Amino acid sequence: MTARRAGPDDPAERGRLAIAPTVLRKIVEHAADGTPGTLLHERRLAGIGVGTAGATARVAEGPDGAVDVALELALRYPAPVRAAVEAVRARVSGELERIAGRHVRALSVTVSGLRTGVEPVPTGRRVE
């Protein structure tokens, strides 16, 4: 009995790689959250803390594989906003290229807030 090959020898000829938009979004959010100067903030539901959240992103993929990104995040105060946003742009673009092989065609950043980075510790008591 002879062994039969499953496909061509060239890896590029073996098939196609599809990366879901959700994966691209998570790469963008993780890269943005890891950039110095960005902040995670407390998530609250009906006044109850339910964890933390960071940057939120929307990613649209074009027919050529390039992506358009809309990113919303909070920055540490006081920080030079322009420099922090440029650092976020560079890191997000670099990570998408490195991890997913995607070129960023457009990257819009909305700074939703400036915070000191020192959040009050919840006491569990409600003030009325």
C-alpha atoms as a PDB file:
ATOM      1  CA  MET A   1       0.000   0.000   0.000  1.00  0.00           C
ATOM      2  CA  THR A   2       1.383   3.412  -0.929  1.00  0.00           C
ATOM      3  CA  ALA A   3       0.853   6.646   0.940  1.00  0.00           C
ATOM      4  CA  ARG A   4      -1.205   9.185  -0.930  1.00  0.00           C
ATOM      5  CA  ARG A   5      -0.563  12.917  -0.655  1.00  0.00           C
ATOM      6  CA  ALA A   6      -3.449  15.059   0.536  1.00  0.00           C
ATOM      7  CA  GLY A   7      -2.657  18.091  -1.635  1.00  0.00           C
ATOM      8  CA  PRO A   8      -0.032  20.180  -3.401  1.00  0.00           C
ATOM      9  CA  ASP A   9       3.368  20.731  -1.796  1.00  0.00           C
ATOM     10  CA  ASP A  10       3.176  24.531  -1.932  1.00  0.00           C
ATOM     11  CA  PRO A  11       1.401  25.824   1.224  1.00  0.00           C
ATOM     12  CA  ALA A  12      -0.103  28.705  -0.760  1.00  0.00           C
ATOM     13  CA  GLU A  13      -1.945  26.177  -2.911  1.00  0.00           C
ATOM     14  CA  ARG A  14      -3.479  24.209  -0.025  1.00  0.00           C
ATOM     15  CA  GLY A  15      -6.437  26.447   0.619  1.00  0.00           C
ATOM     16  CA  ARG A  16      -7.543  29.823   1.845  1.00  0.00           C
ATOM     17  CA  LEU A  17      -7.336  31.519   5.234  1.00  0.00           C
ATOM     18  CA  ALA A  18     -10.412  33.400   6.422  1.00  0.00           C
ATOM     19  CA  ILE A  19     -10.153  35.566   9.536  1.00  0.00           C
ATOM     20  CA  ALA A  20     -13.517  36.486  11.030  1.00  0.00           C
ATOM     21  CA  PRO A  21     -14.248  40.187  11.601  1.00  0.00           C
ATOM     22  CA  THR A  22     -14.700  39.428  15.311  1.00  0.00           C
ATOM     23  CA  VAL A  23     -11.087  38.262  15.499  1.00  0.00           C
ATOM     24  CA  LEU A  24      -9.881  41.440  13.778  1.00  0.00           C
ATOM     25  CA  ARG A  25     -11.954  43.522  16.229  1.00  0.00           C
ATOM     26  CA  LYS A  26     -10.428  41.729  19.214  1.00  0.00           C
ATOM     27  CA  ILE A  27      -6.900  42.264  17.855  1.00  0.00           C
ATOM     28  CA  VAL A  28      -7.643  45.991  17.511  1.00  0.00           C
ATOM     29  CA  GLU A  29      -9.143  46.291  21.005  1.00  0.00           C
ATOM     30  CA  HIS A  30      -6.312  44.352  22.639  1.00  0.00           C
ATOM     31  CA  ALA A  31      -3.666  46.417  20.863  1.00  0.00           C
ATOM     32  CA  ALA A  32      -5.383  49.673  21.846  1.00  0.00           C
ATOM     33  CA  ASP A  33      -5.797  48.599  25.483  1.00  0.00           C
ATOM     34  CA  GLY A  34      -2.107  47.679  25.656  1.00  0.00           C
ATOM     35  CA  THR A  35      -0.923  51.081  24.462  1.00  0.00           C
ATOM     36  CA  PRO A  36       0.517  53.292  27.219  1.00  0.00           C
ATOM     37  CA  GLY A  37      -1.862  56.123  28.070  1.00  0.00           C
ATOM     38  CA  THR A  38      -5.109  54.224  27.436  1.00  0.00           C
ATOM     39  CA  LEU A  39      -7.368  53.203  30.305  1.00  0.00           C
ATOM     40  CA  LEU A  40      -9.779  50.491  31.224  1.00  0.00           C
ATOM     41  CA  HIS A  41     -12.925  51.750  32.923  1.00  0.00           C
ATOM     42  CA  GLU A  42     -15.484  50.177  35.213  1.00  0.00           C
ATOM     43  CA  ARG A  43     -18.571  48.747  33.538  1.00  0.00           C
ATOM     44  CA  ARG A  44     -21.792  49.313  35.435  1.00  0.00           C
ATOM     45  CA  LEU A  45     -25.239  47.843  34.941  1.00  0.00           C
ATOM     46  CA  ALA A  46     -28.054  49.422  36.946  1.00  0.00           C
ATOM     47  CA  GLY A  47     -25.449  51.007  39.204  1.00  0.00           C
ATOM     48  CA  ILE A  48     -23.652  47.736  39.942  1.00  0.00           C
ATOM     49  CA  GLY A  49     -20.062  47.203  38.871  1.00  0.00           C
ATOM     50  CA  VAL A  50     -19.830  44.282  36.439  1.00  0.00           C
ATOM     51  CA  GLY A  51     -16.147  44.343  35.554  1.00  0.00           C
ATOM     52  CA  THR A  52     -13.976  46.512  33.393  1.00  0.00           C
ATOM     53  CA  ALA A  53     -14.017  47.503  29.750  1.00  0.00           C
ATOM     54  CA  GLY A  54     -11.503  49.089  27.471  1.00  0.00           C
ATOM     55  CA  ALA A  55     -11.484  50.251  23.896  1.00  0.00           C
ATOM     56  CA  THR A  56     -14.362  49.327  21.606  1.00  0.00           C
ATOM     57  CA  ALA A  57     -13.870  48.911  17.882  1.00  0.00           C
ATOM     58  CA  ARG A  58     -15.767  48.372  14.664  1.00  0.00           C
ATOM     59  CA  VAL A  59     -13.841  46.777  11.802  1.00  0.00           C
ATOM     60  CA  ALA A  60     -14.938  46.650   8.166  1.00  0.00           C
ATOM     61  CA  GLU A  61     -13.001  44.584   5.658  1.00  0.00           C
ATOM     62  CA  GLY A  62     -12.706  45.737   2.057  1.00  0.00           C
ATOM     63  CA  PRO A  63     -12.588  43.494  -1.011  1.00  0.00           C
ATOM     64  CA  ASP A  64      -8.806  43.916  -1.204  1.00  0.00           C
ATOM     65  CA  GLY A  65      -8.319  42.655   2.383  1.00  0.00           C
ATOM     66  CA  ALA A  66      -7.556  46.127   3.772  1.00  0.00           C
ATOM     67  CA  VAL A  67      -9.551  47.149   6.847  1.00  0.00           C
ATOM     68  CA  ASP A  68     -11.267  50.303   8.037  1.00  0.00           C
ATOM     69  CA  VAL A  69     -11.296  50.690  11.816  1.00  0.00           C
ATOM     70  CA  ALA A  70     -13.403  52.928  14.068  1.00  0.00           C
ATOM     71  CA  LEU A  71     -12.058  52.914  17.623  1.00  0.00           C
ATOM     72  CA  GLU A  72     -13.402  54.486  20.822  1.00  0.00           C
ATOM     73  CA  LEU A  73     -11.287  54.673  23.973  1.00  0.00           C
ATOM     74  CA  ALA A  74     -10.488  56.571  27.163  1.00  0.00           C
ATOM     75  CA  LEU A  75      -7.119  58.156  27.864  1.00  0.00           C
ATOM     76  CA  ARG A  76      -5.221  58.884  31.031  1.00  0.00           C
ATOM     77  CA  TYR A  77      -5.335  62.515  32.197  1.00  0.00           C
ATOM     78  CA  PRO A  78      -3.171  64.545  31.959  1.00  0.00           C
ATOM     79  CA  ALA A  79      -1.600  63.202  28.817  1.00  0.00           C
ATOM     80  CA  PRO A  80      -0.861  64.700  25.427  1.00  0.00           C
ATOM     81  CA  VAL A  81      -3.913  63.459  23.530  1.00  0.00           C
ATOM     82  CA  ARG A  82      -2.409  63.797  20.057  1.00  0.00           C
ATOM     83  CA  ALA A  83       0.697  61.777  20.993  1.00  0.00           C
ATOM     84  CA  ALA A  84      -1.376  59.080  22.730  1.00  0.00           C
ATOM     85  CA  VAL A  85      -3.664  58.711  19.700  1.00  0.00           C
ATOM     86  CA  GLU A  86      -0.676  58.474  17.351  1.00  0.00           C
ATOM     87  CA  ALA A  87       0.775  55.713  19.560  1.00  0.00           C
ATOM     88  CA  VAL A  88      -2.562  53.860  19.429  1.00  0.00           C
ATOM     89  CA  ARG A  89      -2.698  54.203  15.632  1.00  0.00           C
ATOM     90  CA  ALA A  90       0.843  52.861  15.248  1.00  0.00           C
ATOM     91  CA  ARG A  91       0.274  49.915  17.593  1.00  0.00           C
ATOM     92  CA  VAL A  92      -3.100  48.912  16.126  1.00  0.00           C
ATOM     93  CA  SER A  93      -1.792  49.099  12.549  1.00  0.00           C
ATOM     94  CA  GLY A  94       1.328  47.162  13.460  1.00  0.00           C
ATOM     95  CA  GLU A  95      -0.534  44.413  15.308  1.00  0.00           C
ATOM     96  CA  LEU A  96      -3.106  43.920  12.546  1.00  0.00           C
ATOM     97  CA  GLU A  97      -0.283  43.642  10.018  1.00  0.00           C
ATOM     98  CA  ARG A  98       1.795  41.321  12.203  1.00  0.00           C
ATOM     99  CA  ILE A  99      -0.954  39.001  13.469  1.00  0.00           C
ATOM    100  CA  ALA A 100      -3.501  38.960  10.642  1.00  0.00           C
ATOM    101  CA  GLY A 101      -1.547  40.257   7.657  1.00  0.00           C
ATOM    102  CA  ARG A 102      -4.119  43.033   7.157  1.00  0.00           C
ATOM    103  CA  HIS A 103      -3.306  46.555   5.998  1.00  0.00           C
ATOM    104  CA  VAL A 104      -5.203  49.377   7.741  1.00  0.00           C
ATOM    105  CA  ARG A 105      -6.725  51.664   5.122  1.00  0.00           C
ATOM    106  CA  ALA A 106      -8.467  54.020   7.574  1.00  0.00           C
ATOM    107  CA  LEU A 107      -8.336  54.287  11.374  1.00  0.00           C
ATOM    108  CA  SER A 108     -10.581  56.788  13.126  1.00  0.00           C
ATOM    109  CA  VAL A 109     -10.129  57.262  16.865  1.00  0.00           C
ATOM    110  CA  THR A 110     -12.716  58.816  19.175  1.00  0.00           C
ATOM    111  CA  VAL A 111     -11.490  59.761  22.651  1.00  0.00           C
ATOM    112  CA  SER A 112     -14.561  59.219  24.818  1.00  0.00           C
ATOM    113  CA  GLY A 113     -13.009  60.507  28.014  1.00  0.00           C
ATOM    114  CA  LEU A 114      -9.968  61.647  29.923  1.00  0.00           C
ATOM    115  CA  ARG A 115      -9.579  60.113  33.366  1.00  0.00           C
ATOM    116  CA  THR A 116      -6.962  60.307  36.068  1.00  0.00           C
ATOM    117  CA  GLY A 117      -6.616  56.536  36.109  1.00  0.00           C
ATOM    118  CA  VAL A 118      -7.359  56.428  39.825  1.00  0.00           C
ATOM    119  CA  GLU A 119     -10.920  55.244  40.236  1.00  0.00           C
ATOM    120  CA  PRO A 120     -12.594  55.310  43.655  1.00  0.00           C
ATOM    121  CA  VAL A 121     -12.808  51.932  45.336  1.00  0.00           C
ATOM    122  CA  PRO A 122     -16.436  50.776  45.556  1.00  0.00           C
ATOM    123  CA  THR A 123     -17.585  50.518  49.165  1.00  0.00           C
ATOM    124  CA  GLY A 124     -20.727  48.530  48.486  1.00  0.00           C
ATOM    125  CA  ARG A 125     -22.797  51.288  50.108  1.00  0.00           C
ATOM    126  CA  ARG A 126     -25.209  53.289  48.060  1.00  0.00           C
ATOM    127  CA  VAL A 127     -25.434  57.047  48.522  1.00  0.00           C
ATOM    128  CA  GLU A 128     -28.884  58.554  48.093  1.00  0.00           C
END
